[in-house]
C-alpha atoms as a PDB file:
ATOM      1  CA  MET A   1     -73.333 102.754  55.077  1.00  0.00           C
ATOM      2  CA  VAL A   2     -71.742 105.863  55.972  1.00  0.00           C
ATOM      3  CA  ASP A   3     -74.239 106.156  59.267  1.00  0.00           C
ATOM      4  CA  MET A   4     -73.694 102.888  59.801  1.00  0.00           C
ATOM      5  CA  LEU A   5     -69.943 103.511  60.429  1.00  0.00           C
ATOM      6  CA  GLY A   6     -69.578 103.379  63.948  1.00  0.00           C
ATOM      7  CA  SER A   7     -71.540 100.077  65.399  1.00  0.00           C
ATOM      8  CA  PHE A   8     -69.427  98.144  61.810  1.00  0.00           C
ATOM      9  CA  VAL A   9     -67.182  99.087  63.505  1.00  0.00           C
ATOM     10  CA  SER A  10     -67.195  97.915  66.441  1.00  0.00           C
ATOM     11  CA  ALA A  11     -68.649  94.409  65.854  1.00  0.00           C
ATOM     12  CA  PHE A  12     -65.497  94.480  64.100  1.00  0.00           C
ATOM     13  CA  LEU A  13     -63.196  94.992  67.239  1.00  0.00           C
ATOM     14  CA  GLN A  14     -65.534  92.774  69.097  1.00  0.00           C
ATOM     15  CA  VAL A  15     -63.912  90.104  66.832  1.00  0.00           C
ATOM     16  CA  LEU A  16     -59.957  90.964  66.394  1.00  0.00           C
ATOM     17  CA  LEU A  17     -60.118  90.947  70.020  1.00  0.00           C
ATOM     18  CA  ASP A  18     -60.828  86.859  70.445  1.00  0.00           C
ATOM     19  CA  ARG A  19     -58.202  86.564  66.985  1.00  0.00           C
ATOM     20  CA  VAL A  20     -55.992  88.648  69.345  1.00  0.00           C
ATOM     21  CA  ALA A  21     -56.962  85.859  72.945  1.00  0.00           C
ATOM     22  CA  HIS A  22     -56.276  83.341  70.561  1.00  0.00           C
ATOM     23  CA  ARG A  23     -54.373  80.836  72.355  1.00  0.00           C
ATOM     24  CA  GLU A  24     -52.121  80.392  68.360  1.00  0.00           C
ATOM     25  CA  LEU A  25     -51.450  84.334  68.807  1.00  0.00           C
ATOM     26  CA  LEU A  26     -49.603  84.173  72.446  1.00  0.00           C
ATOM     27  CA  GLU A  27     -47.411  80.459  71.716  1.00  0.00           C
ATOM     28  CA  PHE A  28     -45.982  82.546  68.341  1.00  0.00           C
ATOM     29  CA  PHE A  29     -45.169  85.897  70.843  1.00  0.00           C
ATOM     30  CA  ARG A  30     -43.069  82.961  72.999  1.00  0.00           C
ATOM     31  CA  GLY A  31     -42.187  80.323  70.364  1.00  0.00           C
ATOM     32  CA  ASN A  32     -40.180  83.603  68.285  1.00  0.00           C
ATOM     33  CA  HIS A  33     -39.202  85.498  71.617  1.00  0.00           C
ATOM     34  CA  LEU A  34     -41.324  88.124  70.832  1.00  0.00           C
ATOM     35  CA  ASP A  35     -42.365  90.536  74.053  1.00  0.00           C
ATOM     36  CA  GLU A  36     -45.807  89.213  75.699  1.00  0.00           C
ATOM     37  CA  ALA A  37     -46.187  91.962  76.878  1.00  0.00           C
ATOM     38  CA  LEU A  38     -47.222  93.897  73.492  1.00  0.00           C
ATOM     39  CA  LEU A  39     -49.398  91.327  73.153  1.00  0.00           C
ATOM     40  CA  GLU A  40     -50.827  92.280  76.027  1.00  0.00           C
ATOM     41  CA  LYS A  41     -50.951  96.028  75.184  1.00  0.00           C
ATOM     42  CA  LEU A  42     -52.607  95.397  72.224  1.00  0.00           C
ATOM     43  CA  LYS A  43     -55.461  93.455  73.750  1.00  0.00           C
ATOM     44  CA  LYS A  44     -55.970  96.469  76.781  1.00  0.00           C
ATOM     45  CA  LEU A  45     -55.792  99.451  73.924  1.00  0.00           C
ATOM     46  CA  LEU A  46     -58.456  98.000  71.716  1.00  0.00           C
ATOM     47  CA  LEU A  47     -60.908  97.040  75.058  1.00  0.00           C
ATOM     48  CA  PHE A  48     -60.176 101.046  76.094  1.00  0.00           C
ATOM     49  CA  VAL A  49     -61.502 102.022  72.445  1.00  0.00           C
ATOM     50  CA  ALA A  50     -64.092  99.983  71.979  1.00  0.00           C
ATOM     51  CA  THR A  51     -65.625 101.225  75.377  1.00  0.00           C
ATOM     52  CA  VAL A  52     -65.526 104.727  73.718  1.00  0.00           C
ATOM     53  CA  LEU A  53     -66.851 103.840  69.861  1.00  0.00           C
ATOM     54  CA  SER A  54     -70.091 104.041  72.167  1.00  0.00           C
ATOM     55  CA  ASP A  55     -70.370 107.231  72.972  1.00  0.00           C
ATOM     56  CA  ALA A  56     -68.435 107.653  69.719  1.00  0.00           C
ATOM     57  CA  GLU A  57     -71.500 106.771  67.678  1.00  0.00           C
ATOM     58  CA  GLU A  58     -74.048 108.389  69.174  1.00  0.00           C
ATOM     59  CA  LYS A  59     -72.256 111.387  68.002  1.00  0.00           C
ATOM     60  CA  GLU A  60     -70.476 111.108  64.513  1.00  0.00           C
ATOM     61  CA  PHE A  61     -74.234 112.143  62.654  1.00  0.00           C
ATOM     62  CA  ILE A  62     -74.065 114.975  64.204  1.00  0.00           C
ATOM     63  CA  ASN A  63     -70.393 115.770  64.545  1.00  0.00           C
ATOM     64  CA  PRO A  64     -67.653 114.949  61.325  1.00  0.00           C
ATOM     65  CA  LEU A  65     -64.385 115.150  63.478  1.00  0.00           C
ATOM     66  CA  VAL A  66     -66.309 111.920  64.840  1.00  0.00           C
ATOM     67  CA  LYS A  67     -66.821 110.033  61.931  1.00  0.00           C
ATOM     68  CA  GLU A  68     -62.807 111.044  60.805  1.00  0.00           C
ATOM     69  CA  TRP A  69     -62.155 109.611  64.018  1.00  0.00           C
ATOM     70  CA  ILE A  70     -63.877 106.762  63.745  1.00  0.00           C
ATOM     71  CA  ASP A  71     -62.193 105.404  60.353  1.00  0.00           C
ATOM     72  CA  ARG A  72     -58.679 106.649  62.413  1.00  0.00           C
ATOM     73  CA  LEU A  73     -59.818 103.442  64.045  1.00  0.00           C
ATOM     74  CA  LYS A  74     -61.183 101.958  61.489  1.00  0.00           C
ATOM     75  CA  ASN A  75     -58.014 101.687  59.298  1.00  0.00           C
ATOM     76  CA  ALA A  76     -55.836 100.694  62.670  1.00  0.00           C
ATOM     77  CA  ALA A  77     -57.969  97.507  62.962  1.00  0.00           C
ATOM     78  CA  TYR A  78     -58.083  96.251  59.236  1.00  0.00           C
ATOM     79  CA  ASP A  79     -54.269  97.414  59.800  1.00  0.00           C
ATOM     80  CA  ALA A  80     -54.150  94.987  63.005  1.00  0.00           C
ATOM     81  CA  ASP A  81     -56.325  92.188  61.834  1.00  0.00           C
ATOM     82  CA  ASP A  82     -54.188  91.984  58.106  1.00  0.00           C
ATOM     83  CA  VAL A  83     -51.023  91.925  61.500  1.00  0.00           C
ATOM     84  CA  LEU A  84     -53.146  88.473  62.376  1.00  0.00           C
ATOM     85  CA  ASP A  85     -53.700  86.756  59.293  1.00  0.00           C
ATOM     86  CA  GLU A  86     -49.501  86.978  57.865  1.00  0.00           C
ATOM     87  CA  ILE A  87     -49.478  85.248  61.388  1.00  0.00           C
ATOM     88  CA  ALA A  88     -51.908  82.901  61.629  1.00  0.00           C
ATOM     89  CA  THR A  89     -50.717  81.989  57.492  1.00  0.00           C
ATOM     90  CA  LYS A  90     -47.212  82.402  58.515  1.00  0.00           C
ATOM     91  CA  ALA A  91     -47.471  79.609  61.483  1.00  0.00           C
ATOM     92  CA  MET A  92     -50.024  77.242  58.557  1.00  0.00           C
ATOM     93  CA  GLN A  93     -47.286  77.356  56.460  1.00  0.00           C
ATOM     94  CA  ASP A  94     -44.584  76.220  59.197  1.00  0.00           C
ATOM     95  CA  LYS A  95     -46.467  73.079  59.755  1.00  0.00           C
ATOM     96  CA  ILE A  96     -47.652  71.921  55.774  1.00  0.00           C
ATOM     97  CA  ASN A  97     -43.342  72.579  55.494  1.00  0.00           C
ATOM     98  CA  SER A  98     -42.245  70.517  58.668  1.00  0.00           C
ATOM     99  CA  GLY A  99     -45.345  68.363  58.791  1.00  0.00           C
ATOM    100  CA  PHE A 100     -44.652  65.878  62.130  1.00  0.00           C
ATOM    101  CA  HIS A 101     -41.099  65.951  61.502  1.00  0.00           C
ATOM    102  CA  PRO A 102     -39.577  69.500  60.863  1.00  0.00           C
ATOM    103  CA  THR A 103     -36.171  69.825  60.505  1.00  0.00           C
ATOM    104  CA  LEU A 104     -32.784  71.407  62.609  1.00  0.00           C
ATOM    105  CA  ASP A 105     -32.842  74.795  60.875  1.00  0.00           C
ATOM    106  CA  GLN A 106     -36.943  74.675  60.626  1.00  0.00           C
ATOM    107  CA  VAL A 107     -36.670  74.806  64.391  1.00  0.00           C
ATOM    108  CA  ARG A 108     -33.786  77.610  64.146  1.00  0.00           C
ATOM    109  CA  GLY A 109     -36.297  79.674  61.981  1.00  0.00           C
ATOM    110  CA  TYR A 110     -38.641  79.473  63.867  1.00  0.00           C
ATOM    111  CA  ALA A 111     -36.617  79.786  67.355  1.00  0.00           C
ATOM    112  CA  SER A 112     -34.495  82.271  66.624  1.00  0.00           C
ATOM    113  CA  PRO A 113     -34.424  86.142  67.780  1.00  0.00           C
ATOM    114  CA  LEU A 114     -33.885  87.280  64.573  1.00  0.00           C
ATOM    115  CA  ASN A 115     -36.916  85.820  62.163  1.00  0.00           C
ATOM    116  CA  PRO A 116     -37.065  88.056  59.969  1.00  0.00           C
ATOM    117  CA  PHE A 117     -41.044  87.498  59.758  1.00  0.00           C
ATOM    118  CA  ALA A 118     -41.441  87.536  63.877  1.00  0.00           C
ATOM    119  CA  GLU A 119     -39.111  90.618  63.481  1.00  0.00           C
ATOM    120  CA  GLN A 120     -41.007  92.138  61.356  1.00  0.00           C
ATOM    121  CA  VAL A 121     -44.273  91.354  62.808  1.00  0.00           C
ATOM    122  CA  LYS A 122     -43.555  92.963  66.351  1.00  0.00           C
ATOM    123  CA  ALA A 123     -42.634  96.507  64.256  1.00  0.00           C
ATOM    124  CA  LYS A 124     -46.248  95.850  62.992  1.00  0.00           C
ATOM    125  CA  VAL A 125     -47.724  95.670  66.512  1.00  0.00           C
ATOM    126  CA  GLU A 126     -45.973  98.416  67.785  1.00  0.00           C
ATOM    127  CA  ARG A 127     -46.569 101.539  65.013  1.00  0.00           C
ATOM    128  CA  ILE A 128     -49.881 100.100  65.511  1.00  0.00           C
ATOM    129  CA  VAL A 129     -50.043  99.997  69.385  1.00  0.00           C
ATOM    130  CA  GLU A 130     -48.552 103.766  68.477  1.00  0.00           C
ATOM    131  CA  ARG A 131     -51.764 104.468  66.597  1.00  0.00           C
ATOM    132  CA  LEU A 132     -54.195 103.308  69.055  1.00  0.00           C
ATOM    133  CA  LYS A 133     -52.400 105.305  71.747  1.00  0.00           C
ATOM    134  CA  SER A 134     -52.860 108.537  69.074  1.00  0.00           C
ATOM    135  CA  ILE A 135     -56.930 107.765  68.382  1.00  0.00           C
ATOM    136  CA  ILE A 136     -57.506 107.514  72.236  1.00  0.00           C
ATOM    137  CA  GLU A 137     -55.681 111.068  72.737  1.00  0.00           C
ATOM    138  CA  TYR A 138     -57.626 112.384  70.202  1.00  0.00           C
ATOM    139  CA  LYS A 139     -60.522 111.355  72.064  1.00  0.00           C
ATOM    140  CA  ASP A 140     -60.909 114.165  74.640  1.00  0.00           C
ATOM    141  CA  VAL A 141     -60.110 116.621  72.277  1.00  0.00           C
ATOM    142  CA  LEU A 142     -63.949 115.337  70.185  1.00  0.00           C
ATOM    143  CA  GLY A 143     -65.074 114.653  74.224  1.00  0.00           C
ATOM    144  CA  LEU A 144     -65.733 111.621  74.337  1.00  0.00           C
ATOM    145  CA  LYS A 145     -66.335 109.421  77.059  1.00  0.00           C
ATOM    146  CA  GLU A 146     -65.777 105.954  77.812  1.00  0.00           C
ATOM    147  CA  SER A 147     -69.345 103.538  78.213  1.00  0.00           C
ATOM    148  CA  GLY A 148     -67.160 101.756  81.753  1.00  0.00           C
ATOM    149  CA  LEU A 149     -68.726 103.840  83.695  1.00  0.00           C
ATOM    150  CA  GLU A 150     -72.481 103.193  83.808  1.00  0.00           C
ATOM    151  CA  ARG A 151     -71.569 100.008  82.262  1.00  0.00           C
ATOM    152  CA  VAL A 152     -73.772  96.507  82.977  1.00  0.00           C
ATOM    153  CA  PRO A 153     -71.773  94.786  86.599  1.00  0.00           C
ATOM    154  CA  VAL A 154     -70.378  91.755  84.289  1.00  0.00           C
ATOM    155  CA  VAL A 155     -70.060  88.500  86.694  1.00  0.00           C
ATOM    156  CA  ALA A 156     -68.002  85.467  84.759  1.00  0.00           C
ATOM    157  CA  ILE A 157     -68.071  81.980  85.894  1.00  0.00           C
ATOM    158  CA  VAL A 158     -64.930  80.013  84.797  1.00  0.00           C
ATOM    159  CA  GLY A 159     -65.140  76.352  84.272  1.00  0.00           C
ATOM    160  CA  MET A 160     -64.514  73.153  82.943  1.00  0.00           C
ATOM    161  CA  GLY A 161     -67.506  71.837  80.703  1.00  0.00           C
ATOM    162  CA  GLY A 162     -70.092  70.228  82.712  1.00  0.00           C
ATOM    163  CA  VAL A 163     -68.779  70.888  86.338  1.00  0.00           C
ATOM    164  CA  GLY A 164     -72.135  73.450  85.804  1.00  0.00           C
ATOM    165  CA  LYS A 165     -71.606  76.929  85.115  1.00  0.00           C
ATOM    166  CA  THR A 166     -74.671  77.360  83.144  1.00  0.00           C
ATOM    167  CA  THR A 167     -76.886  75.477  85.694  1.00  0.00           C
ATOM    168  CA  LEU A 168     -75.020  77.908  88.492  1.00  0.00           C
ATOM    169  CA  ALA A 169     -76.090  80.895  85.973  1.00  0.00           C
ATOM    170  CA  GLN A 170     -79.493  80.533  85.815  1.00  0.00           C
ATOM    171  CA  ILE A 171     -79.801  79.795  89.235  1.00  0.00           C
ATOM    172  CA  LEU A 172     -78.018  83.568  90.507  1.00  0.00           C
ATOM    173  CA  TYR A 173     -80.340  85.136  87.270  1.00  0.00           C
ATOM    174  CA  ASN A 174     -83.493  84.154  88.433  1.00  0.00           C
ATOM    175  CA  ASP A 175     -82.434  85.382  92.266  1.00  0.00           C
ATOM    176  CA  ALA A 176     -80.823  88.698  90.634  1.00  0.00           C
ATOM    177  CA  GLN A 177     -82.905  89.636  87.993  1.00  0.00           C
ATOM    178  CA  GLU A 178     -86.112  91.632  90.286  1.00  0.00           C
ATOM    179  CA  THR A 179     -83.199  93.096  91.940  1.00  0.00           C
ATOM    180  CA  VAL A 180     -80.355  93.772  90.429  1.00  0.00           C
ATOM    181  CA  GLU A 181     -79.200  94.311  86.653  1.00  0.00           C
ATOM    182  CA  VAL A 182     -75.807  91.994  86.313  1.00  0.00           C
ATOM    183  CA  GLU A 183     -74.620  90.234  82.898  1.00  0.00           C
ATOM    184  CA  LEU A 184     -73.477  86.626  83.385  1.00  0.00           C
ATOM    185  CA  VAL A 185     -71.316  85.338  81.417  1.00  0.00           C
ATOM    186  CA  THR A 186     -70.169  81.377  81.095  1.00  0.00           C
ATOM    187  CA  THR A 187     -66.772  80.354  80.400  1.00  0.00           C
ATOM    188  CA  ARG A 188     -64.193  77.651  80.060  1.00  0.00           C
ATOM    189  CA  SER A 189     -61.048  80.537  80.247  1.00  0.00           C
ATOM    190  CA  GLN A 190     -60.293  82.667  82.264  1.00  0.00           C
ATOM    191  CA  SER A 191     -58.631  84.498  79.312  1.00  0.00           C
ATOM    192  CA  VAL A 192     -62.292  85.586  78.265  1.00  0.00           C
ATOM    193  CA  ALA A 193     -63.445  86.923  81.628  1.00  0.00           C
ATOM    194  CA  SER A 194     -60.380  88.696  81.766  1.00  0.00           C
ATOM    195  CA  ALA A 195     -61.103  89.922  78.131  1.00  0.00           C
ATOM    196  CA  VAL A 196     -64.891  90.737  79.462  1.00  0.00           C
ATOM    197  CA  CYS A 197     -63.542  92.745  81.860  1.00  0.00           C
ATOM    198  CA  ALA A 198     -65.352  90.999  84.790  1.00  0.00           C
ATOM    199  CA  ASP A 199     -65.803  92.488  87.708  1.00  0.00           C
ATOM    200  CA  LEU A 200     -66.034  88.868  89.328  1.00  0.00           C
ATOM    201  CA  THR A 201     -65.129  86.475  88.136  1.00  0.00           C
ATOM    202  CA  TYR A 202     -66.126  82.927  90.353  1.00  0.00           C
ATOM    203  CA  SER A 203     -64.344  79.648  89.532  1.00  0.00           C
ATOM    204  CA  LEU A 204     -66.215  76.407  90.090  1.00  0.00           C
ATOM    205  CA  SER A 205     -64.575  73.469  90.825  1.00  0.00           C
ATOM    206  CA  LEU A 206     -65.261  69.416  90.300  1.00  0.00           C
ATOM    207  CA  LEU A 207     -67.346  67.896  93.051  1.00  0.00           C
ATOM    208  CA  SER A 208     -65.892  66.177  96.258  1.00  0.00           C
ATOM    209  CA  TYR A 209     -66.406  62.584  96.343  1.00  0.00           C
ATOM    210  CA  GLU A 210     -69.105  62.892  98.242  1.00  0.00           C
ATOM    211  CA  ASP A 211     -71.355  65.705  96.720  1.00  0.00           C
ATOM    212  CA  THR A 212     -70.782  63.623  93.384  1.00  0.00           C
ATOM    213  CA  TRP A 213     -71.934  60.088  94.755  1.00  0.00           C
ATOM    214  CA  LYS A 214     -74.927  62.810  96.716  1.00  0.00           C
ATOM    215  CA  LEU A 215     -76.276  64.023  92.934  1.00  0.00           C
ATOM    216  CA  PHE A 216     -75.942  60.261  91.320  1.00  0.00           C
ATOM    217  CA  SER A 217     -77.882  58.614  94.137  1.00  0.00           C
ATOM    218  CA  SER A 218     -80.309  60.991  94.196  1.00  0.00           C
ATOM    219  CA  HIS A 219     -81.355  60.356  90.531  1.00  0.00           C
ATOM    220  CA  ALA A 220     -80.943  56.644  89.990  1.00  0.00           C
ATOM    221  CA  PHE A 221     -83.117  55.053  93.068  1.00  0.00           C
ATOM    222  CA  LYS A 222     -86.866  56.400  92.564  1.00  0.00           C
ATOM    223  CA  SER A 223     -86.920  55.950  96.582  1.00  0.00           C
ATOM    224  CA  GLY A 224     -83.658  57.400  97.696  1.00  0.00           C
ATOM    225  CA  ASN A 225     -83.363  54.419 100.338  1.00  0.00           C
ATOM    226  CA  LEU A 226     -80.271  53.253  99.149  1.00  0.00           C
ATOM    227  CA  ASP A 227     -80.190  50.155 102.478  1.00  0.00           C
ATOM    228  CA  GLN A 228     -82.873  48.410  99.841  1.00  0.00           C
ATOM    229  CA  HIS A 229     -80.507  48.133  97.692  1.00  0.00           C
ATOM    230  CA  PRO A 230     -77.092  47.585  98.282  1.00  0.00           C
ATOM    231  CA  VAL A 231     -75.678  45.764  95.611  1.00  0.00           C
ATOM    232  CA  LEU A 232     -76.611  48.503  93.467  1.00  0.00           C
ATOM    233  CA  ALA A 233     -75.348  51.210  95.661  1.00  0.00           C
ATOM    234  CA  GLN A 234     -72.294  49.130  95.689  1.00  0.00           C
ATOM    235  CA  ILE A 235     -71.562  48.997  91.925  1.00  0.00           C
ATOM    236  CA  GLY A 236     -73.419  52.677  91.379  1.00  0.00           C
ATOM    237  CA  GLN A 237     -70.234  53.715  93.857  1.00  0.00           C
ATOM    238  CA  LYS A 238     -67.794  53.083  90.544  1.00  0.00           C
ATOM    239  CA  ILE A 239     -69.994  54.556  88.797  1.00  0.00           C
ATOM    240  CA  VAL A 240     -69.390  57.806  90.833  1.00  0.00           C
ATOM    241  CA  ASN A 241     -65.597  57.138  90.414  1.00  0.00           C
ATOM    242  CA  LYS A 242     -65.262  56.634  86.868  1.00  0.00           C
ATOM    243  CA  CYS A 243     -67.473  60.747  86.922  1.00  0.00           C
ATOM    244  CA  ASN A 244     -64.120  62.231  88.269  1.00  0.00           C
ATOM    245  CA  GLY A 245     -66.443  64.835  90.302  1.00  0.00           C
ATOM    246  CA  LEU A 246     -68.458  66.125  86.926  1.00  0.00           C
ATOM    247  CA  PRO A 247     -71.270  67.277  88.227  1.00  0.00           C
ATOM    248  CA  LEU A 248     -73.233  66.323  84.125  1.00  0.00           C
ATOM    249  CA  ALA A 249     -71.135  63.601  84.347  1.00  0.00           C
ATOM    250  CA  ALA A 250     -73.667  62.053  87.763  1.00  0.00           C
ATOM    251  CA  LYS A 251     -76.427  63.865  86.911  1.00  0.00           C
ATOM    252  CA  THR A 252     -76.850  61.882  83.579  1.00  0.00           C
ATOM    253  CA  LEU A 253     -75.599  58.024  83.958  1.00  0.00           C
ATOM    254  CA  GLY A 254     -77.876  58.660  87.923  1.00  0.00           C
ATOM    255  CA  SER A 255     -80.350  60.101  85.086  1.00  0.00           C
ATOM    256  CA  LEU A 256     -80.370  56.496  83.207  1.00  0.00           C
ATOM    257  CA  LEU A 257     -80.875  54.144  85.292  1.00  0.00           C
ATOM    258  CA  ARG A 258     -83.061  55.476  87.750  1.00  0.00           C
ATOM    259  CA  GLY A 259     -85.744  52.519  87.813  1.00  0.00           C
ATOM    260  CA  LYS A 260     -83.839  49.663  86.631  1.00  0.00           C
ATOM    261  CA  GLU A 261     -83.480  47.309  89.409  1.00  0.00           C
ATOM    262  CA  ASP A 262     -81.931  44.260  87.826  1.00  0.00           C
ATOM    263  CA  ALA A 263     -77.978  44.195  89.013  1.00  0.00           C
ATOM    264  CA  GLU A 264     -76.763  42.330  85.321  1.00  0.00           C
ATOM    265  CA  GLU A 265     -77.700  45.379  84.012  1.00  0.00           C
ATOM    266  CA  TRP A 266     -76.319  48.070  85.896  1.00  0.00           C
ATOM    267  CA  LYS A 267     -73.351  46.026  85.186  1.00  0.00           C
ATOM    268  CA  VAL A 268     -73.610  46.122  81.647  1.00  0.00           C
ATOM    269  CA  HIS A 269     -73.576  50.062  81.880  1.00  0.00           C
ATOM    270  CA  LEU A 270     -70.690  50.140  83.808  1.00  0.00           C
ATOM    271  CA  ILE A 271     -68.648  47.885  81.202  1.00  0.00           C
ATOM    272  CA  VAL A 272     -70.154  47.912  78.049  1.00  0.00           C
ATOM    273  CA  GLY A 273     -71.017  52.142  79.112  1.00  0.00           C
ATOM    274  CA  TYR A 274     -67.800  53.294  80.277  1.00  0.00           C
ATOM    275  CA  GLY A 275     -67.772  55.100  77.382  1.00  0.00           C
ATOM    276  CA  SER A 276     -71.246  57.453  77.720  1.00  0.00           C
ATOM    277  CA  TYR A 277     -68.990  58.446  80.341  1.00  0.00           C
ATOM    278  CA  GLN A 278     -66.048  58.730  79.029  1.00  0.00           C
ATOM    279  CA  ALA A 279     -67.244  60.675  75.932  1.00  0.00           C
ATOM    280  CA  ILE A 280     -68.900  62.787  78.760  1.00  0.00           C
ATOM    281  CA  ARG A 281     -65.418  62.945  80.053  1.00  0.00           C
ATOM    282  CA  VAL A 282     -63.607  63.955  76.692  1.00  0.00           C
ATOM    283  CA  ALA A 283     -66.437  66.906  76.166  1.00  0.00           C
ATOM    284  CA  SER A 284     -65.913  68.439  79.130  1.00  0.00           C
ATOM    285  CA  PHE A 285     -62.345  69.491  78.281  1.00  0.00           C
ATOM    286  CA  LEU A 286     -63.054  70.505  74.249  1.00  0.00           C
ATOM    287  CA  PRO A 287     -63.311  74.127  73.409  1.00  0.00           C
END
């Protein structure tokens, strides 16, 4: 297992980066009046050291000093993970103790800049940041290089669920795979796009009513001639209004009604089917 140390630390760093980027950690810093810049500094140092680690993984087999360097990094990562565990445990305890009606003393204790627990966390994070800086500085002595100079460009597609991120990624991949090497990342979070150091971030917005209607009608009407179905078109426009510009909702509901020419059946879907597009809209906000 010793020879696999670098690979293990690399995987552990990815998990740690996910935890550092978690919203609850940011809320803890804000709620306790801690400097958010300290958290951002920790994240950047972890990201940077991760780019050097791939070179260290190759050299740990032939240079024992590199293995020691990875050991130092592993211990610092473990300590950072322990601090995150402490924060998560404290946050859970506060929720249990306060319930839905926290007392005034509990609110003061959580928000006070003199909160002893928060001050301890701050001190621990500051020490970890200094250790990571020292580890990074020593990389030059060992001749370790960043892999970022040779890495594959990353393109992040950001948008809420159902807006078409995966569809766009598939189109881009099929179009670009023979001409350029690129890594595509789809996410609902701008912070994730930043965490993966995306070279280009493209944010997908909701469709206009006109485009939503075109998408819906292309799936709902076989013939494509709306003049033949004026009543259905009128009902369909009401359905499109409830799609709120989500391509997934328009496509799903249009496909559901395709080939059905009974206006009463469409009305039933408009009323009873309300749960369908509500479910799609709610799912679009889930993580």
